[in-house]
């Protein structure tokens, strides 16, 4: 089973540099802010990458140094982050030294049964060994001295935390079939839909242990097509579904999204489209995953409610024009069987192979129909295109002055490629490659004959 990304949770007192370290670790992607019941407003989730290794970072709120306040804050904000993390980064301030609040937090972390790394921040301008002396008494095995604001020691710290990147096993991935993740807010019907899918006729299913806690991979077959359902809430046996209390975890949702081929984004039709729904869909789009939007509990809505949901889909999700929308009832099963056509279409579109001659001909037709705008009096030239990757499809276009192309023209090309290639359910990425002018740094050196001719011309104009 493919390994999932490590999860790093940043904890510590206020103003020890957690957010600064978070921003440095996630510089490759904007943070996803989760604002839902049970998830505090200042808790941020983001992605980072070092070399070929990727990881997820959680930035938690600052913990007070009041003993009675530690329990409440940890329970409401930081404790779940610690539970979900594979590595806990406990930040302290080298300039403040060891404070009672640090000792209170350290005591609580020792009871968490997690790998804790003590990060002594703000060592810039200080003697490193002297700065670390007081903190060794906390008794943590892994201690790192960094300056998050300037990046000192951060890269070496992350390198020591991240495991070696597993080699991609193509045969194992093919054996899993189409990996489908079901994500959504609490109580939208994720487990109900999962069990409805697994309970469909002509389905053979068996349990397989998950790769992480509470994340279960469930292979099954339908119409001779292999699938693997990724359920982050943990699908119970069908007889025990009613006993399950569905838990929502942003981390588990992000991990499921990253490890899937197709994402079923489940929305509650009775509640409409929330900001958290839009945030998750934005993350799916940024991750380049194929997407099917599923609006659940549709059978219980009035016509006015249905019209409201359709308006919200247009207003809040204008950037998702490629995803097929399905209106279902997971409880009663209506519309669930139709999901598989969209899943297969989205998967085929995401994994499509496109020949270079076909892409180049299509690019020529698109440029002829709608030429790029002029840049400083010169026309941007787009010469040829080829495929640069799958899942999502990446189209690499070569030309000159491509960095000057406006976003509107990029969107035009994306929509046109998607339409003509009949790609559904997957985002399309375009990468531009500009050709370098081999003479741009070279000065034209005149021959003696050209110099003499230039002198004669200059003297001629001076006489006039």
Foldseek 3Di string as FASTA:
>chain_A
DADFAAEEEEAEAPPLCLVLLVCVQQVVDDWQADDDVLEDRPWIKGKGDDVPHIHIYIYWDGADLPLVRNVVRCRRYVVVSLLPGQEYEYGDELVVADDSSSLSVLVVSVVSPHQYAYEHEDCVPHDVVVSCVRVCVSPHPHYFYAHSNVGGRSSVVVVVVDDDRDDDDPVVVVVQFAEEEEDEDFPLCSLLLVVLVCPDPPKDWDWDDDNDPQWTWIWIDDPNGIHIYTYSQHHDPPVCNVVRHGDDDPVSLLRSLLPGQEYEYEAELVVAQDPNSLSSVVSSQVSFHFYAYEYEPQVVDDPVSVVVNVVSCCVSPVVPPQHHYFYYYSNVGPRSVVVVVRSVLQNCQQADADAFVVQFVLVVVLCVVPPFDDDPNHGWDWHGWHWDDGSHTEIEIETAPVVPGDVVVVVVVQVSCCVVVVRGRTGYHYHYDYDDDPCPPPDDDDDPVVVVVVVVVVVVVVVD
